[in-house]
Amino acid sequence: IGMPLKYLAGHPEVVEVTGWMHGLLFMAYIALGAYAAVDEEWTMRFGAWAFAASLVPGGTFVLDRYLGPEAIETRTSTSRSASDG
């Protein structure tokens, strides 16, 4: 939304504000992704895939399918059965 407003409507201030917020949120995504990778014991491959998903438009929506409630339930039940056994 910001880029069309900047170039088509002549409002560069929109990009200044939204660009700063976008950068801040991206840094938070990277920090929280690193925390989740350690906490959830992700493999390096999955961590790299999660990072790559942040660079591709819509990539985090694909990643979310792997981190959604069904995936979490599967990981939890797998770890429970391993600890039960």
N, C-alpha and C. Protein backbone atom coordinates (compact mmCIF):
# COMPACT_ATOMS: atom_id res chain seq x y z
N ILE A 1 0.83 -1.19 0.00
CA ILE A 1 0.00 0.00 0.00
C ILE A 1 0.87 1.25 0.00
N GLY A 2 1.99 1.18 0.73
CA GLY A 2 2.84 2.35 0.86
C GLY A 2 3.50 2.78 -0.45
N MET A 3 3.98 1.82 -1.22
CA MET A 3 4.67 2.17 -2.47
C MET A 3 3.74 2.83 -3.49
N PRO A 4 2.53 2.30 -3.72
CA PRO A 4 1.63 3.02 -4.63
C PRO A 4 1.28 4.42 -4.13
N LEU A 5 1.11 4.56 -2.82
CA LEU A 5 0.81 5.90 -2.29
C LEU A 5 1.99 6.85 -2.50
N LYS A 6 3.20 6.31 -2.39
CA LYS A 6 4.39 7.14 -2.58
C LYS A 6 4.51 7.60 -4.03
N TYR A 7 4.42 6.67 -4.97
CA TYR A 7 4.70 6.99 -6.37
C TYR A 7 3.48 7.47 -7.16
N LEU A 8 2.32 6.96 -6.85
CA LEU A 8 1.13 7.35 -7.62
C LEU A 8 0.38 8.53 -7.01
N ALA A 9 0.39 8.61 -5.68
CA ALA A 9 -0.35 9.70 -5.03
C ALA A 9 0.56 10.79 -4.49
N GLY A 10 1.88 10.58 -4.56
CA GLY A 10 2.81 11.61 -4.12
C GLY A 10 2.87 11.80 -2.62
N HIS A 11 2.76 10.70 -1.86
CA HIS A 11 2.83 10.77 -0.40
C HIS A 11 3.99 9.93 0.13
N PRO A 12 5.23 10.45 0.04
CA PRO A 12 6.39 9.66 0.48
C PRO A 12 6.43 9.44 2.00
N GLU A 13 5.73 10.26 2.74
CA GLU A 13 5.74 10.11 4.20
C GLU A 13 5.11 8.78 4.65
N VAL A 14 4.23 8.24 3.84
CA VAL A 14 3.60 6.96 4.18
C VAL A 14 4.66 5.86 4.25
N VAL A 15 5.59 5.87 3.30
CA VAL A 15 6.64 4.85 3.25
C VAL A 15 7.62 5.04 4.41
N GLU A 16 7.86 6.26 4.81
CA GLU A 16 8.77 6.51 5.93
C GLU A 16 8.24 5.84 7.20
N VAL A 17 6.98 5.98 7.47
CA VAL A 17 6.38 5.43 8.68
C VAL A 17 6.21 3.91 8.56
N THR A 18 5.58 3.48 7.49
CA THR A 18 5.32 2.04 7.34
C THR A 18 6.61 1.25 7.11
N GLY A 19 7.57 1.85 6.43
CA GLY A 19 8.86 1.18 6.22
C GLY A 19 9.59 0.93 7.52
N TRP A 20 9.57 1.93 8.40
CA TRP A 20 10.20 1.80 9.72
C TRP A 20 9.50 0.70 10.53
N MET A 21 8.18 0.69 10.51
CA MET A 21 7.44 -0.34 11.26
C MET A 21 7.68 -1.72 10.66
N HIS A 22 7.72 -1.80 9.34
CA HIS A 22 7.97 -3.07 8.67
C HIS A 22 9.35 -3.63 9.06
N GLY A 23 10.35 -2.78 9.08
CA GLY A 23 11.69 -3.20 9.47
C GLY A 23 11.74 -3.67 10.91
N LEU A 24 11.07 -2.95 11.80
CA LEU A 24 11.02 -3.33 13.20
C LEU A 24 10.32 -4.67 13.39
N LEU A 25 9.21 -4.87 12.71
CA LEU A 25 8.50 -6.14 12.81
C LEU A 25 9.30 -7.28 12.21
N PHE A 26 10.05 -7.02 11.14
CA PHE A 26 10.89 -8.05 10.55
C PHE A 26 11.98 -8.48 11.53
N MET A 27 12.59 -7.53 12.20
CA MET A 27 13.63 -7.85 13.19
C MET A 27 13.03 -8.65 14.34
N ALA A 28 11.82 -8.30 14.75
CA ALA A 28 11.14 -9.07 15.80
C ALA A 28 10.85 -10.49 15.33
N TYR A 29 10.45 -10.65 14.06
CA TYR A 29 10.20 -11.98 13.50
C TYR A 29 11.47 -12.83 13.54
N ILE A 30 12.59 -12.23 13.16
CA ILE A 30 13.86 -12.96 13.15
C ILE A 30 14.24 -13.35 14.58
N ALA A 31 14.11 -12.43 15.53
CA ALA A 31 14.46 -12.72 16.92
C ALA A 31 13.56 -13.80 17.51
N LEU A 32 12.26 -13.70 17.27
CA LEU A 32 11.34 -14.70 17.79
C LEU A 32 11.51 -16.05 17.07
N GLY A 33 11.87 -16.00 15.80
CA GLY A 33 12.14 -17.24 15.07
C GLY A 33 13.36 -17.95 15.64
N ALA A 34 14.39 -17.18 15.97
CA ALA A 34 15.59 -17.78 16.58
C ALA A 34 15.25 -18.37 17.94
N TYR A 35 14.45 -17.67 18.72
CA TYR A 35 14.03 -18.18 20.02
C TYR A 35 13.22 -19.47 19.86
N ALA A 36 12.27 -19.47 18.92
CA ALA A 36 11.45 -20.66 18.69
C ALA A 36 12.30 -21.83 18.21
N ALA A 37 13.29 -21.56 17.36
CA ALA A 37 14.16 -22.62 16.85
C ALA A 37 14.91 -23.31 17.98
N VAL A 38 15.37 -22.54 18.94
CA VAL A 38 16.08 -23.12 20.09
C VAL A 38 15.09 -23.81 21.02
N ASP A 39 14.00 -23.14 21.34
CA ASP A 39 13.03 -23.67 22.29
C ASP A 39 12.35 -24.94 21.78
N GLU A 40 12.03 -24.97 20.49
CA GLU A 40 11.33 -26.12 19.90
C GLU A 40 12.29 -27.14 19.30
N GLU A 41 13.59 -26.86 19.41
CA GLU A 41 14.63 -27.76 18.90
C GLU A 41 14.46 -28.07 17.42
N TRP A 42 14.28 -26.99 16.64
CA TRP A 42 14.17 -27.15 15.20
C TRP A 42 15.51 -27.61 14.64
N THR A 43 15.47 -28.32 13.52
CA THR A 43 16.69 -28.65 12.82
C THR A 43 17.19 -27.38 12.12
N MET A 44 18.47 -27.39 11.75
CA MET A 44 19.01 -26.24 11.01
C MET A 44 18.26 -26.05 9.70
N ARG A 45 17.88 -27.16 9.09
CA ARG A 45 17.18 -27.09 7.81
C ARG A 45 15.82 -26.40 7.97
N PHE A 46 15.07 -26.76 9.01
CA PHE A 46 13.77 -26.14 9.22
C PHE A 46 13.93 -24.67 9.60
N GLY A 47 14.92 -24.36 10.42
CA GLY A 47 15.19 -22.96 10.78
C GLY A 47 15.52 -22.12 9.57
N ALA A 48 16.33 -22.68 8.67
CA ALA A 48 16.68 -21.97 7.43
C ALA A 48 15.44 -21.80 6.55
N TRP A 49 14.59 -22.82 6.54
CA TRP A 49 13.36 -22.75 5.75
C TRP A 49 12.44 -21.66 6.32
N ALA A 50 12.36 -21.57 7.65
CA ALA A 50 11.53 -20.55 8.28
C ALA A 50 12.06 -19.15 7.95
N PHE A 51 13.39 -19.00 7.94
CA PHE A 51 13.97 -17.71 7.58
C PHE A 51 13.68 -17.39 6.11
N ALA A 52 13.87 -18.37 5.24
CA ALA A 52 13.61 -18.15 3.81
C ALA A 52 12.15 -17.79 3.57
N ALA A 53 11.24 -18.36 4.36
CA ALA A 53 9.82 -18.05 4.22
C ALA A 53 9.56 -16.57 4.50
N SER A 54 10.38 -15.96 5.33
CA SER A 54 10.18 -14.54 5.65
C SER A 54 10.59 -13.63 4.50
N LEU A 55 11.37 -14.16 3.58
CA LEU A 55 11.86 -13.34 2.47
C LEU A 55 10.95 -13.40 1.24
N VAL A 56 10.10 -14.41 1.17
CA VAL A 56 9.21 -14.61 0.02
C VAL A 56 7.82 -14.11 0.39
N PRO A 57 7.24 -13.24 -0.44
CA PRO A 57 5.88 -12.78 -0.12
C PRO A 57 4.92 -13.96 0.02
N GLY A 58 4.24 -14.02 1.14
CA GLY A 58 3.30 -15.10 1.42
C GLY A 58 3.96 -16.35 1.98
N GLY A 59 5.27 -16.36 2.08
CA GLY A 59 5.99 -17.54 2.56
C GLY A 59 5.65 -17.91 4.00
N THR A 60 5.38 -16.92 4.81
CA THR A 60 5.06 -17.22 6.21
C THR A 60 3.70 -17.89 6.34
N PHE A 61 2.82 -17.68 5.36
CA PHE A 61 1.53 -18.37 5.40
C PHE A 61 1.72 -19.87 5.14
N VAL A 62 2.64 -20.19 4.25
CA VAL A 62 2.97 -21.60 4.01
C VAL A 62 3.61 -22.18 5.26
N LEU A 63 4.54 -21.46 5.85
CA LEU A 63 5.20 -21.91 7.07
C LEU A 63 4.19 -22.13 8.19
N ASP A 64 3.20 -21.28 8.27
CA ASP A 64 2.19 -21.37 9.32
C ASP A 64 1.45 -22.70 9.28
N ARG A 65 1.29 -23.28 8.10
CA ARG A 65 0.63 -24.58 7.98
C ARG A 65 1.44 -25.66 8.70
N TYR A 66 2.76 -25.48 8.74
CA TYR A 66 3.63 -26.44 9.43
C TYR A 66 3.71 -26.16 10.92
N LEU A 67 3.30 -24.98 11.33
CA LEU A 67 3.38 -24.61 12.73
C LEU A 67 2.01 -24.45 13.38
N GLY A 68 0.95 -24.72 12.62
CA GLY A 68 -0.41 -24.54 13.12
C GLY A 68 -0.79 -25.56 14.18
N PRO A 69 -2.00 -25.47 14.69
CA PRO A 69 -2.45 -26.34 15.78
C PRO A 69 -2.32 -27.83 15.47
N GLU A 70 -2.59 -28.22 14.22
CA GLU A 70 -2.48 -29.64 13.87
C GLU A 70 -1.04 -30.12 13.98
N ALA A 71 -0.11 -29.32 13.51
CA ALA A 71 1.29 -29.70 13.58
C ALA A 71 1.78 -29.74 15.02
N ILE A 72 1.34 -28.78 15.81
CA ILE A 72 1.75 -28.74 17.22
C ILE A 72 1.17 -29.94 17.94
N GLU A 73 -0.07 -30.28 17.66
CA GLU A 73 -0.70 -31.44 18.29
C GLU A 73 0.04 -32.72 17.92
N THR A 74 0.44 -32.84 16.67
CA THR A 74 1.19 -34.02 16.21
C THR A 74 2.53 -34.11 16.93
N ARG A 75 3.26 -32.99 17.03
CA ARG A 75 4.56 -33.01 17.72
C ARG A 75 4.37 -33.34 19.19
N THR A 76 3.33 -32.79 19.81
CA THR A 76 3.09 -33.04 21.23
C THR A 76 2.75 -34.50 21.48
N SER A 77 1.86 -35.05 20.67
CA SER A 77 1.47 -36.44 20.87
C SER A 77 2.63 -37.39 20.57
N THR A 78 3.50 -37.03 19.63
CA THR A 78 4.66 -37.85 19.32
C THR A 78 5.63 -37.84 20.48
N SER A 79 5.86 -36.66 21.07
CA SER A 79 6.79 -36.58 22.19
C SER A 79 6.21 -37.26 23.43
N ARG A 80 4.90 -37.20 23.60
CA ARG A 80 4.28 -37.89 24.73
C ARG A 80 4.44 -39.40 24.60
N SER A 81 4.17 -39.92 23.40
CA SER A 81 4.26 -41.36 23.21
C SER A 81 5.70 -41.83 23.35
N ALA A 82 6.67 -40.99 22.96
CA ALA A 82 8.07 -41.36 23.12
C ALA A 82 8.47 -41.38 24.59
N SER A 83 7.92 -40.44 25.37
CA SER A 83 8.26 -40.39 26.79
C SER A 83 7.48 -41.44 27.58
N ASP A 84 6.35 -41.91 27.05
CA ASP A 84 5.57 -42.95 27.72
C ASP A 84 6.24 -44.31 27.59
N GLY A 85 6.96 -44.47 26.50
CA GLY A 85 7.42 -45.74 26.14
C GLY A 85 8.62 -46.37 26.53
